[in-house]
Amino acid sequence: MFTGIVEELGSLAAREGMRLKFSASVVTEGAQLGDSIAVNGCCLTVVELGPASWSTDVSDETLARTNLAAVAVGEPVNMERPLQLSARIGGHLVLGHVDAVGTIVNPAPDLVVRIPQHLMRYVVEKGSIAVDGISLTAYDLTDDTFTVAVIPHTAAVTTLGHKGAGAPVNIEVDILAKHLERLAGAHLLDG
């Protein structure tokens, strides 16, 4: 579980089949094999540690459901270590389970993102949403877009300051909304 507060702007160092190697220094501090690290909001497992780098194996499912297949060697990525239960939650609860890949319609600072229409039911005015693993607040909702205000600090320390219109971004909607819908649906079927 993560908070959506990016700790480091790392980069993809190498792509060797289904293994991705990332350059990073902050997120590898204290990391061990088997630990999780979020990359652009996608929870990945550390399978190899090196000096200022780490590697993960990805599945076809991960590549199909995220923007990781489109990341070029040398391209920056957002990285975050998992939440420690004793830490403050500065963003919101982010699982690292990407729901879809959205598309930037308008770049930061007034970032507009288009997502599959069926996911918009989980996006609420002034609610939390993770874009490339970054905890943001959605507003100005349409049938298939939402807007988030990206402050200069966030643009400088994340990938959002580098991405233009048409760029793919990983989207994770609020997990609480999905659970509530599932529970309400089960209740309606039972009652």
N, C-alpha and C. Protein backbone atom coordinates (compact mmCIF):
# COMPACT_ATOMS: atom_id res chain seq x y z
N MET A 1 0.84 -1.16 0.00
CA MET A 1 0.00 0.00 0.00
C MET A 1 0.90 1.24 0.00
N PHE A 2 0.44 2.27 -0.70
CA PHE A 2 1.23 3.48 -0.88
C PHE A 2 0.37 4.69 -0.53
N THR A 3 0.97 5.88 -0.60
CA THR A 3 0.23 7.11 -0.27
C THR A 3 0.05 8.03 -1.46
N GLY A 4 0.74 7.78 -2.56
CA GLY A 4 0.65 8.67 -3.70
C GLY A 4 1.54 9.90 -3.58
N ILE A 5 2.46 9.87 -2.63
CA ILE A 5 3.45 10.93 -2.48
C ILE A 5 4.76 10.40 -3.05
N VAL A 6 5.13 10.88 -4.23
CA VAL A 6 6.31 10.39 -4.93
C VAL A 6 7.57 10.74 -4.14
N GLU A 7 8.42 9.74 -3.93
CA GLU A 7 9.66 9.95 -3.18
C GLU A 7 10.85 10.26 -4.07
N GLU A 8 10.77 9.76 -5.30
CA GLU A 8 11.95 9.90 -6.16
C GLU A 8 11.54 9.85 -7.63
N LEU A 9 12.19 10.67 -8.41
CA LEU A 9 12.06 10.62 -9.86
C LEU A 9 13.24 9.79 -10.36
N GLY A 10 12.98 8.50 -10.61
CA GLY A 10 14.01 7.60 -11.11
C GLY A 10 13.90 7.51 -12.62
N SER A 11 14.50 6.49 -13.20
CA SER A 11 14.38 6.31 -14.65
C SER A 11 14.53 4.83 -15.00
N LEU A 12 13.98 4.47 -16.16
CA LEU A 12 14.15 3.12 -16.67
C LEU A 12 15.56 3.01 -17.22
N ALA A 13 16.36 2.11 -16.65
CA ALA A 13 17.75 1.97 -17.06
C ALA A 13 17.93 0.93 -18.15
N ALA A 14 17.12 -0.12 -18.14
CA ALA A 14 17.25 -1.18 -19.14
C ALA A 14 15.97 -2.00 -19.19
N ARG A 15 15.72 -2.54 -20.37
CA ARG A 15 14.58 -3.44 -20.60
C ARG A 15 15.16 -4.71 -21.22
N GLU A 16 15.07 -5.82 -20.49
CA GLU A 16 15.61 -7.09 -20.95
C GLU A 16 14.50 -8.13 -20.91
N GLY A 17 13.74 -8.23 -22.00
CA GLY A 17 12.59 -9.12 -22.02
C GLY A 17 11.54 -8.63 -21.04
N MET A 18 11.19 -9.48 -20.10
CA MET A 18 10.17 -9.13 -19.10
C MET A 18 10.79 -8.58 -17.82
N ARG A 19 12.07 -8.30 -17.84
CA ARG A 19 12.74 -7.70 -16.67
C ARG A 19 13.04 -6.24 -16.97
N LEU A 20 12.65 -5.40 -16.01
CA LEU A 20 12.92 -3.96 -16.11
C LEU A 20 13.91 -3.59 -15.01
N LYS A 21 14.90 -2.79 -15.39
CA LYS A 21 15.88 -2.31 -14.42
C LYS A 21 15.71 -0.80 -14.31
N PHE A 22 15.66 -0.31 -13.08
CA PHE A 22 15.45 1.11 -12.83
C PHE A 22 16.65 1.71 -12.10
N SER A 23 17.00 2.93 -12.46
CA SER A 23 17.98 3.71 -11.73
C SER A 23 17.25 4.43 -10.62
N ALA A 24 17.74 4.30 -9.41
CA ALA A 24 17.12 4.94 -8.25
C ALA A 24 18.08 4.85 -7.08
N SER A 25 17.95 5.78 -6.15
CA SER A 25 18.77 5.70 -4.95
C SER A 25 17.94 5.79 -3.67
N VAL A 26 16.94 6.67 -3.64
CA VAL A 26 16.12 6.84 -2.43
C VAL A 26 15.29 5.60 -2.15
N VAL A 27 14.56 5.09 -3.14
CA VAL A 27 13.65 3.97 -2.89
C VAL A 27 14.36 2.65 -2.64
N THR A 28 15.65 2.59 -2.93
CA THR A 28 16.39 1.36 -2.66
C THR A 28 16.99 1.35 -1.26
N GLU A 29 16.94 2.49 -0.55
CA GLU A 29 17.45 2.54 0.82
C GLU A 29 16.64 1.59 1.69
N GLY A 30 17.29 0.60 2.26
CA GLY A 30 16.63 -0.36 3.12
C GLY A 30 15.82 -1.42 2.38
N ALA A 31 15.79 -1.37 1.06
CA ALA A 31 15.01 -2.33 0.28
C ALA A 31 15.67 -3.71 0.32
N GLN A 32 14.81 -4.72 0.24
CA GLN A 32 15.27 -6.11 0.20
C GLN A 32 14.55 -6.83 -0.93
N LEU A 33 15.10 -7.96 -1.34
CA LEU A 33 14.43 -8.76 -2.36
C LEU A 33 13.02 -9.11 -1.88
N GLY A 34 12.06 -9.00 -2.77
CA GLY A 34 10.68 -9.30 -2.43
C GLY A 34 9.87 -8.09 -2.00
N ASP A 35 10.54 -6.97 -1.71
CA ASP A 35 9.83 -5.75 -1.32
C ASP A 35 9.08 -5.17 -2.52
N SER A 36 8.12 -4.32 -2.23
CA SER A 36 7.36 -3.63 -3.28
C SER A 36 7.87 -2.21 -3.45
N ILE A 37 7.85 -1.74 -4.68
CA ILE A 37 8.12 -0.35 -5.01
C ILE A 37 7.12 0.03 -6.09
N ALA A 38 6.48 1.18 -5.94
CA ALA A 38 5.53 1.65 -6.96
C ALA A 38 6.30 2.45 -8.01
N VAL A 39 6.04 2.12 -9.27
CA VAL A 39 6.62 2.85 -10.40
C VAL A 39 5.45 3.37 -11.22
N ASN A 40 5.35 4.68 -11.34
CA ASN A 40 4.20 5.32 -12.00
C ASN A 40 2.89 4.77 -11.45
N GLY A 41 2.90 4.47 -10.15
CA GLY A 41 1.69 3.99 -9.49
C GLY A 41 1.43 2.51 -9.60
N CYS A 42 2.33 1.77 -10.22
CA CYS A 42 2.17 0.33 -10.39
C CYS A 42 3.06 -0.39 -9.37
N CYS A 43 2.46 -1.21 -8.53
CA CYS A 43 3.20 -1.95 -7.52
C CYS A 43 4.02 -3.06 -8.19
N LEU A 44 5.34 -3.00 -7.99
CA LEU A 44 6.26 -3.98 -8.58
C LEU A 44 7.11 -4.60 -7.49
N THR A 45 7.61 -5.81 -7.73
CA THR A 45 8.39 -6.55 -6.74
C THR A 45 9.87 -6.49 -7.07
N VAL A 46 10.68 -6.16 -6.07
CA VAL A 46 12.14 -6.10 -6.23
C VAL A 46 12.66 -7.53 -6.36
N VAL A 47 13.33 -7.83 -7.49
CA VAL A 47 13.91 -9.16 -7.69
C VAL A 47 15.43 -9.10 -7.75
N GLU A 48 15.97 -7.89 -7.84
CA GLU A 48 17.43 -7.72 -7.87
C GLU A 48 17.75 -6.31 -7.41
N LEU A 49 18.79 -6.19 -6.59
CA LEU A 49 19.26 -4.88 -6.12
C LEU A 49 20.70 -4.68 -6.55
N GLY A 50 21.01 -3.49 -7.00
CA GLY A 50 22.37 -3.15 -7.39
C GLY A 50 22.71 -1.78 -6.83
N PRO A 51 23.90 -1.30 -7.11
CA PRO A 51 24.23 0.04 -6.66
C PRO A 51 23.37 1.07 -7.42
N ALA A 52 22.57 1.80 -6.68
CA ALA A 52 21.68 2.83 -7.24
C ALA A 52 20.76 2.29 -8.32
N SER A 53 20.34 1.02 -8.17
CA SER A 53 19.42 0.43 -9.14
C SER A 53 18.67 -0.74 -8.51
N TRP A 54 17.59 -1.11 -9.16
CA TRP A 54 16.84 -2.29 -8.76
C TRP A 54 16.12 -2.82 -9.99
N SER A 55 15.76 -4.09 -9.96
CA SER A 55 15.09 -4.73 -11.08
C SER A 55 13.83 -5.43 -10.63
N THR A 56 12.91 -5.60 -11.59
CA THR A 56 11.64 -6.27 -11.36
C THR A 56 11.29 -7.09 -12.59
N ASP A 57 10.52 -8.12 -12.40
CA ASP A 57 9.96 -8.87 -13.51
C ASP A 57 8.51 -8.44 -13.67
N VAL A 58 8.09 -8.22 -14.90
CA VAL A 58 6.71 -7.82 -15.16
C VAL A 58 6.01 -8.88 -15.99
N SER A 59 4.71 -8.95 -15.85
CA SER A 59 3.92 -9.93 -16.60
C SER A 59 3.28 -9.26 -17.81
N ASP A 60 2.75 -10.06 -18.70
CA ASP A 60 1.99 -9.53 -19.83
C ASP A 60 0.81 -8.70 -19.33
N GLU A 61 0.18 -9.15 -18.25
CA GLU A 61 -0.95 -8.44 -17.66
C GLU A 61 -0.55 -7.03 -17.22
N THR A 62 0.60 -6.93 -16.55
CA THR A 62 1.08 -5.62 -16.11
C THR A 62 1.36 -4.71 -17.30
N LEU A 63 2.01 -5.23 -18.30
CA LEU A 63 2.32 -4.41 -19.48
C LEU A 63 1.06 -4.00 -20.23
N ALA A 64 0.04 -4.87 -20.25
CA ALA A 64 -1.20 -4.56 -20.95
C ALA A 64 -2.05 -3.52 -20.21
N ARG A 65 -1.95 -3.47 -18.89
CA ARG A 65 -2.84 -2.61 -18.10
C ARG A 65 -2.20 -1.33 -17.61
N THR A 66 -0.92 -1.13 -17.90
CA THR A 66 -0.22 0.06 -17.42
C THR A 66 0.50 0.75 -18.57
N ASN A 67 1.13 1.87 -18.25
CA ASN A 67 1.92 2.57 -19.26
C ASN A 67 3.39 2.13 -19.27
N LEU A 68 3.72 1.08 -18.53
CA LEU A 68 5.12 0.66 -18.44
C LEU A 68 5.68 0.14 -19.76
N ALA A 69 4.84 -0.41 -20.61
CA ALA A 69 5.32 -0.88 -21.92
C ALA A 69 5.76 0.29 -22.79
N ALA A 70 5.20 1.46 -22.54
CA ALA A 70 5.51 2.64 -23.36
C ALA A 70 6.68 3.46 -22.81
N VAL A 71 7.18 3.12 -21.62
CA VAL A 71 8.29 3.88 -21.04
C VAL A 71 9.58 3.51 -21.77
N ALA A 72 10.27 4.52 -22.25
CA ALA A 72 11.53 4.32 -22.97
C ALA A 72 12.71 4.31 -22.00
N VAL A 73 13.77 3.60 -22.37
CA VAL A 73 14.99 3.60 -21.56
C VAL A 73 15.46 5.04 -21.42
N GLY A 74 15.76 5.43 -20.19
CA GLY A 74 16.19 6.79 -19.89
C GLY A 74 15.06 7.73 -19.48
N GLU A 75 13.82 7.30 -19.71
CA GLU A 75 12.67 8.14 -19.38
C GLU A 75 12.43 8.16 -17.87
N PRO A 76 12.08 9.34 -17.32
CA PRO A 76 11.82 9.41 -15.88
C PRO A 76 10.53 8.71 -15.49
N VAL A 77 10.52 8.16 -14.28
CA VAL A 77 9.34 7.50 -13.72
C VAL A 77 9.22 7.92 -12.25
N ASN A 78 7.98 7.93 -11.77
CA ASN A 78 7.70 8.23 -10.36
C ASN A 78 7.91 6.97 -9.54
N MET A 79 8.57 7.13 -8.38
CA MET A 79 8.81 5.98 -7.51
C MET A 79 8.42 6.30 -6.07
N GLU A 80 7.86 5.27 -5.42
CA GLU A 80 7.48 5.39 -4.02
C GLU A 80 7.64 4.04 -3.33
N ARG A 81 8.20 4.08 -2.13
CA ARG A 81 8.26 2.88 -1.29
C ARG A 81 6.91 2.66 -0.63
N PRO A 82 6.63 1.43 -0.17
CA PRO A 82 5.34 1.18 0.48
C PRO A 82 5.22 1.95 1.80
N LEU A 83 3.99 2.18 2.15
CA LEU A 83 3.64 2.88 3.38
C LEU A 83 4.06 2.05 4.59
N GLN A 84 4.63 2.72 5.59
CA GLN A 84 4.87 2.09 6.88
C GLN A 84 3.72 2.50 7.79
N LEU A 85 3.20 1.59 8.56
CA LEU A 85 2.03 1.87 9.38
C LEU A 85 2.25 3.00 10.38
N SER A 86 3.48 3.30 10.72
CA SER A 86 3.76 4.38 11.66
C SER A 86 3.92 5.74 10.98
N ALA A 87 3.84 5.77 9.64
CA ALA A 87 4.08 7.00 8.88
C ALA A 87 2.78 7.79 8.69
N ARG A 88 2.95 9.08 8.44
CA ARG A 88 1.81 9.92 8.09
C ARG A 88 1.35 9.58 6.68
N ILE A 89 0.07 9.71 6.44
CA ILE A 89 -0.46 9.52 5.10
C ILE A 89 -0.69 10.91 4.51
N GLY A 90 0.25 11.33 3.67
CA GLY A 90 0.18 12.67 3.10
C GLY A 90 -0.75 12.76 1.90
N GLY A 91 -1.02 11.64 1.26
CA GLY A 91 -1.89 11.62 0.09
C GLY A 91 -3.17 10.88 0.42
N HIS A 92 -3.38 9.75 -0.22
CA HIS A 92 -4.51 8.88 0.10
C HIS A 92 -4.05 7.44 -0.06
N LEU A 93 -4.86 6.49 0.33
CA LEU A 93 -4.46 5.09 0.22
C LEU A 93 -4.47 4.65 -1.24
N VAL A 94 -3.30 4.28 -1.72
CA VAL A 94 -3.10 3.86 -3.10
C VAL A 94 -2.56 2.43 -3.06
N LEU A 95 -3.20 1.52 -3.77
CA LEU A 95 -2.79 0.12 -3.72
C LEU A 95 -1.67 -0.22 -4.70
N GLY A 96 -1.53 0.57 -5.74
CA GLY A 96 -0.56 0.23 -6.78
C GLY A 96 -1.14 -0.73 -7.79
N HIS A 97 -2.48 -0.85 -7.82
CA HIS A 97 -3.18 -1.70 -8.77
C HIS A 97 -3.85 -0.80 -9.79
N VAL A 98 -3.21 -0.61 -10.91
CA VAL A 98 -3.66 0.33 -11.93
C VAL A 98 -4.97 -0.14 -12.54
N ASP A 99 -5.95 0.77 -12.59
CA ASP A 99 -7.26 0.45 -13.17
C ASP A 99 -7.28 0.60 -14.67
N ALA A 100 -6.53 1.57 -15.20
CA ALA A 100 -6.54 1.84 -16.64
C ALA A 100 -5.42 2.80 -16.96
N VAL A 101 -5.15 2.91 -18.25
CA VAL A 101 -4.23 3.93 -18.74
C VAL A 101 -5.09 5.06 -19.30
N GLY A 102 -4.88 6.25 -18.78
CA GLY A 102 -5.56 7.43 -19.28
C GLY A 102 -4.66 8.18 -20.25
N THR A 103 -5.18 9.25 -20.81
CA THR A 103 -4.43 10.07 -21.76
C THR A 103 -4.50 11.52 -21.34
N ILE A 104 -3.37 12.19 -21.33
CA ILE A 104 -3.35 13.62 -21.01
C ILE A 104 -3.96 14.38 -22.17
N VAL A 105 -4.99 15.17 -21.86
CA VAL A 105 -5.65 16.02 -22.84
C VAL A 105 -5.01 17.40 -22.82
N ASN A 106 -4.75 17.89 -21.61
CA ASN A 106 -4.12 19.19 -21.40
C ASN A 106 -3.06 19.01 -20.32
N PRO A 107 -1.81 19.42 -20.58
CA PRO A 107 -0.75 19.18 -19.60
C PRO A 107 -0.85 20.10 -18.38
N ALA A 108 -0.01 19.82 -17.39
CA ALA A 108 0.07 20.62 -16.16
C ALA A 108 0.40 22.07 -16.53
N PRO A 109 -0.07 23.04 -15.76
CA PRO A 109 -0.56 22.91 -14.40
C PRO A 109 -2.04 22.56 -14.27
N ASP A 110 -2.85 22.88 -15.27
CA ASP A 110 -4.26 22.50 -15.24
C ASP A 110 -4.41 21.21 -16.03
N LEU A 111 -4.02 20.11 -15.40
CA LEU A 111 -3.94 18.81 -16.05
C LEU A 111 -5.33 18.24 -16.26
N VAL A 112 -5.64 17.93 -17.52
CA VAL A 112 -6.90 17.27 -17.86
C VAL A 112 -6.55 15.89 -18.39
N VAL A 113 -7.21 14.86 -17.83
CA VAL A 113 -6.93 13.48 -18.20
C VAL A 113 -8.22 12.81 -18.66
N ARG A 114 -8.13 12.11 -19.78
CA ARG A 114 -9.26 11.31 -20.29
C ARG A 114 -9.05 9.87 -19.85
N ILE A 115 -10.10 9.26 -19.31
CA ILE A 115 -10.05 7.87 -18.87
C ILE A 115 -11.24 7.13 -19.45
N PRO A 116 -11.22 5.80 -19.41
CA PRO A 116 -12.39 5.05 -19.87
C PRO A 116 -13.63 5.53 -19.13
N GLN A 117 -14.70 5.73 -19.87
CA GLN A 117 -15.93 6.31 -19.32
C GLN A 117 -16.49 5.51 -18.14
N HIS A 118 -16.36 4.18 -18.18
CA HIS A 118 -16.91 3.37 -17.09
C HIS A 118 -16.23 3.63 -15.74
N LEU A 119 -15.02 4.20 -15.74
CA LEU A 119 -14.33 4.49 -14.49
C LEU A 119 -14.75 5.83 -13.88
N MET A 120 -15.41 6.67 -14.66
CA MET A 120 -15.78 8.00 -14.16
C MET A 120 -16.75 7.91 -12.98
N ARG A 121 -17.49 6.81 -12.84
CA ARG A 121 -18.41 6.69 -11.71
C ARG A 121 -17.66 6.64 -10.38
N TYR A 122 -16.35 6.34 -10.40
CA TYR A 122 -15.56 6.29 -9.19
C TYR A 122 -14.84 7.60 -8.90
N VAL A 123 -14.96 8.56 -9.80
CA VAL A 123 -14.29 9.85 -9.65
C VAL A 123 -15.32 10.86 -9.18
N VAL A 124 -15.06 11.49 -8.06
CA VAL A 124 -15.99 12.47 -7.52
C VAL A 124 -15.31 13.82 -7.40
N GLU A 125 -16.12 14.86 -7.49
CA GLU A 125 -15.63 16.23 -7.33
C GLU A 125 -14.92 16.36 -5.98
N LYS A 126 -13.69 16.82 -6.03
CA LYS A 126 -12.82 16.99 -4.85
C LYS A 126 -12.45 15.67 -4.19
N GLY A 127 -12.53 14.58 -4.95
CA GLY A 127 -12.12 13.28 -4.45
C GLY A 127 -10.70 12.96 -4.89
N SER A 128 -10.12 11.96 -4.26
CA SER A 128 -8.75 11.55 -4.57
C SER A 128 -8.69 10.64 -5.78
N ILE A 129 -7.63 10.80 -6.56
CA ILE A 129 -7.34 9.93 -7.69
C ILE A 129 -5.82 9.87 -7.85
N ALA A 130 -5.30 8.72 -8.25
CA ALA A 130 -3.86 8.58 -8.47
C ALA A 130 -3.59 8.62 -9.97
N VAL A 131 -2.74 9.55 -10.39
CA VAL A 131 -2.32 9.69 -11.78
C VAL A 131 -0.82 9.42 -11.81
N ASP A 132 -0.40 8.35 -12.48
CA ASP A 132 0.99 7.90 -12.46
C ASP A 132 1.52 7.78 -11.04
N GLY A 133 0.63 7.33 -10.13
CA GLY A 133 1.02 7.10 -8.75
C GLY A 133 1.01 8.33 -7.87
N ILE A 134 0.58 9.47 -8.39
CA ILE A 134 0.58 10.72 -7.64
C ILE A 134 -0.83 10.97 -7.09
N SER A 135 -0.93 11.17 -5.80
CA SER A 135 -2.22 11.46 -5.17
C SER A 135 -2.63 12.88 -5.53
N LEU A 136 -3.77 13.01 -6.21
CA LEU A 136 -4.26 14.31 -6.66
C LEU A 136 -5.75 14.44 -6.36
N THR A 137 -6.25 15.65 -6.46
CA THR A 137 -7.66 15.92 -6.19
C THR A 137 -8.36 16.28 -7.49
N ALA A 138 -9.39 15.54 -7.84
CA ALA A 138 -10.11 15.72 -9.10
C ALA A 138 -11.18 16.79 -8.97
N TYR A 139 -11.39 17.51 -10.07
CA TYR A 139 -12.51 18.46 -10.17
C TYR A 139 -12.85 18.63 -11.64
N ASP A 140 -13.86 19.42 -11.93
CA ASP A 140 -14.30 19.69 -13.30
C ASP A 140 -14.49 18.40 -14.09
N LEU A 141 -15.39 17.56 -13.60
CA LEU A 141 -15.62 16.25 -14.19
C LEU A 141 -16.52 16.35 -15.42
N THR A 142 -16.20 15.54 -16.45
CA THR A 142 -17.07 15.38 -17.61
C THR A 142 -17.42 13.91 -17.73
N ASP A 143 -17.95 13.49 -18.86
CA ASP A 143 -18.28 12.08 -19.06
C ASP A 143 -17.04 11.18 -19.07
N ASP A 144 -15.90 11.72 -19.49
CA ASP A 144 -14.70 10.89 -19.58
C ASP A 144 -13.41 11.63 -19.24
N THR A 145 -13.51 12.82 -18.64
CA THR A 145 -12.29 13.55 -18.23
C THR A 145 -12.46 14.12 -16.83
N PHE A 146 -11.33 14.41 -16.23
CA PHE A 146 -11.29 15.15 -14.97
C PHE A 146 -10.09 16.07 -15.03
N THR A 147 -10.09 17.08 -14.19
CA THR A 147 -8.99 18.03 -14.11
C THR A 147 -8.36 17.93 -12.73
N VAL A 148 -7.06 18.12 -12.66
CA VAL A 148 -6.36 18.25 -11.39
C VAL A 148 -5.41 19.44 -11.50
N ALA A 149 -5.29 20.19 -10.43
CA ALA A 149 -4.35 21.31 -10.38
C ALA A 149 -3.00 20.76 -9.94
N VAL A 150 -1.99 20.96 -10.75
CA VAL A 150 -0.64 20.49 -10.44
C VAL A 150 0.19 21.70 -10.03
N ILE A 151 0.55 21.76 -8.75
CA ILE A 151 1.33 22.89 -8.26
C ILE A 151 2.77 22.78 -8.79
N PRO A 152 3.51 23.89 -8.83
CA PRO A 152 4.88 23.85 -9.36
C PRO A 152 5.78 22.81 -8.70
N HIS A 153 5.66 22.62 -7.38
CA HIS A 153 6.49 21.62 -6.70
C HIS A 153 6.21 20.22 -7.25
N THR A 154 4.94 19.87 -7.39
CA THR A 154 4.58 18.55 -7.91
C THR A 154 5.08 18.38 -9.34
N ALA A 155 4.94 19.41 -10.16
CA ALA A 155 5.43 19.35 -11.55
C ALA A 155 6.95 19.13 -11.58
N ALA A 156 7.66 19.72 -10.62
CA ALA A 156 9.13 19.63 -10.61
C ALA A 156 9.64 18.28 -10.13
N VAL A 157 8.92 17.63 -9.21
CA VAL A 157 9.44 16.40 -8.59
C VAL A 157 8.76 15.13 -9.09
N THR A 158 7.89 15.26 -10.10
CA THR A 158 7.22 14.09 -10.68
C THR A 158 7.28 14.16 -12.20
N THR A 159 6.77 13.13 -12.82
CA THR A 159 6.75 13.08 -14.29
C THR A 159 5.75 14.05 -14.89
N LEU A 160 4.80 14.55 -14.11
CA LEU A 160 3.75 15.41 -14.68
C LEU A 160 4.30 16.71 -15.25
N GLY A 161 5.43 17.17 -14.78
CA GLY A 161 6.04 18.37 -15.33
C GLY A 161 6.69 18.15 -16.68
N HIS A 162 6.83 16.89 -17.09
CA HIS A 162 7.51 16.54 -18.35
C HIS A 162 6.56 15.99 -19.41
N LYS A 163 5.32 15.72 -19.05
CA LYS A 163 4.40 15.05 -19.98
C LYS A 163 3.48 16.04 -20.67
N GLY A 164 3.33 15.86 -21.97
CA GLY A 164 2.46 16.72 -22.76
C GLY A 164 1.18 16.03 -23.17
N ALA A 165 0.40 16.74 -23.94
CA ALA A 165 -0.87 16.19 -24.44
C ALA A 165 -0.60 14.90 -25.21
N GLY A 166 -1.45 13.91 -24.99
CA GLY A 166 -1.32 12.62 -25.66
C GLY A 166 -0.53 11.59 -24.88
N ALA A 167 0.17 12.00 -23.83
CA ALA A 167 0.98 11.07 -23.04
C ALA A 167 0.09 10.13 -22.24
N PRO A 168 0.47 8.84 -22.18
CA PRO A 168 -0.29 7.89 -21.36
C PRO A 168 0.07 8.02 -19.89
N VAL A 169 -0.93 7.90 -19.02
CA VAL A 169 -0.71 7.95 -17.57
C VAL A 169 -1.51 6.83 -16.90
N ASN A 170 -0.93 6.23 -15.89
CA ASN A 170 -1.61 5.19 -15.13
C ASN A 170 -2.65 5.83 -14.20
N ILE A 171 -3.81 5.21 -14.13
CA ILE A 171 -4.90 5.72 -13.31
C ILE A 171 -5.30 4.67 -12.29
N GLU A 172 -5.39 5.08 -11.04
CA GLU A 172 -5.99 4.23 -10.01
C GLU A 172 -7.06 5.05 -9.31
N VAL A 173 -8.30 4.62 -9.46
CA VAL A 173 -9.40 5.30 -8.80
C VAL A 173 -9.41 4.91 -7.32
N ASP A 174 -10.18 5.62 -6.55
CA ASP A 174 -10.24 5.39 -5.10
C ASP A 174 -10.83 4.01 -4.82
N ILE A 175 -10.08 3.19 -4.11
CA ILE A 175 -10.50 1.82 -3.81
C ILE A 175 -11.76 1.78 -2.96
N LEU A 176 -11.95 2.78 -2.12
CA LEU A 176 -13.15 2.79 -1.26
C LEU A 176 -14.41 2.86 -2.10
N ALA A 177 -14.39 3.65 -3.18
CA ALA A 177 -15.57 3.76 -4.06
C ALA A 177 -15.88 2.41 -4.70
N LYS A 178 -14.85 1.69 -5.12
CA LYS A 178 -15.07 0.39 -5.75
C LYS A 178 -15.64 -0.62 -4.76
N HIS A 179 -15.13 -0.61 -3.53
CA HIS A 179 -15.65 -1.53 -2.51
C HIS A 179 -17.09 -1.18 -2.16
N LEU A 180 -17.40 0.10 -2.00
CA LEU A 180 -18.77 0.50 -1.68
C LEU A 180 -19.74 0.08 -2.77
N GLU A 181 -19.34 0.25 -4.03
CA GLU A 181 -20.21 -0.17 -5.13
C GLU A 181 -20.46 -1.67 -5.08
N ARG A 182 -19.42 -2.43 -4.84
CA ARG A 182 -19.54 -3.89 -4.78
C ARG A 182 -20.46 -4.32 -3.63
N LEU A 183 -20.26 -3.70 -2.47
CA LEU A 183 -21.10 -4.03 -1.31
C LEU A 183 -22.55 -3.61 -1.53
N ALA A 184 -22.75 -2.44 -2.08
CA ALA A 184 -24.11 -1.97 -2.33
C ALA A 184 -24.79 -2.86 -3.37
N GLY A 185 -24.07 -3.28 -4.37
CA GLY A 185 -24.63 -4.17 -5.40
C GLY A 185 -25.02 -5.50 -4.81
N ALA A 186 -24.20 -6.06 -3.93
CA ALA A 186 -24.51 -7.33 -3.29
C ALA A 186 -25.72 -7.19 -2.39
N HIS A 187 -25.83 -6.06 -1.70
CA HIS A 187 -26.97 -5.81 -0.82
C HIS A 187 -28.26 -5.70 -1.63
N LEU A 188 -28.20 -5.02 -2.75
CA LEU A 188 -29.39 -4.87 -3.61
C LEU A 188 -29.84 -6.21 -4.16
N LEU A 189 -28.88 -7.08 -4.49
CA LEU A 189 -29.21 -8.41 -5.00
C LEU A 189 -29.83 -9.28 -3.92
N ASP A 190 -29.36 -9.12 -2.67
CA ASP A 190 -29.86 -9.94 -1.55
C ASP A 190 -31.24 -9.47 -1.07
N GLY A 191 -31.49 -8.16 -1.21
CA GLY A 191 -32.66 -7.63 -0.56
C GLY A 191 -33.79 -7.40 -1.44
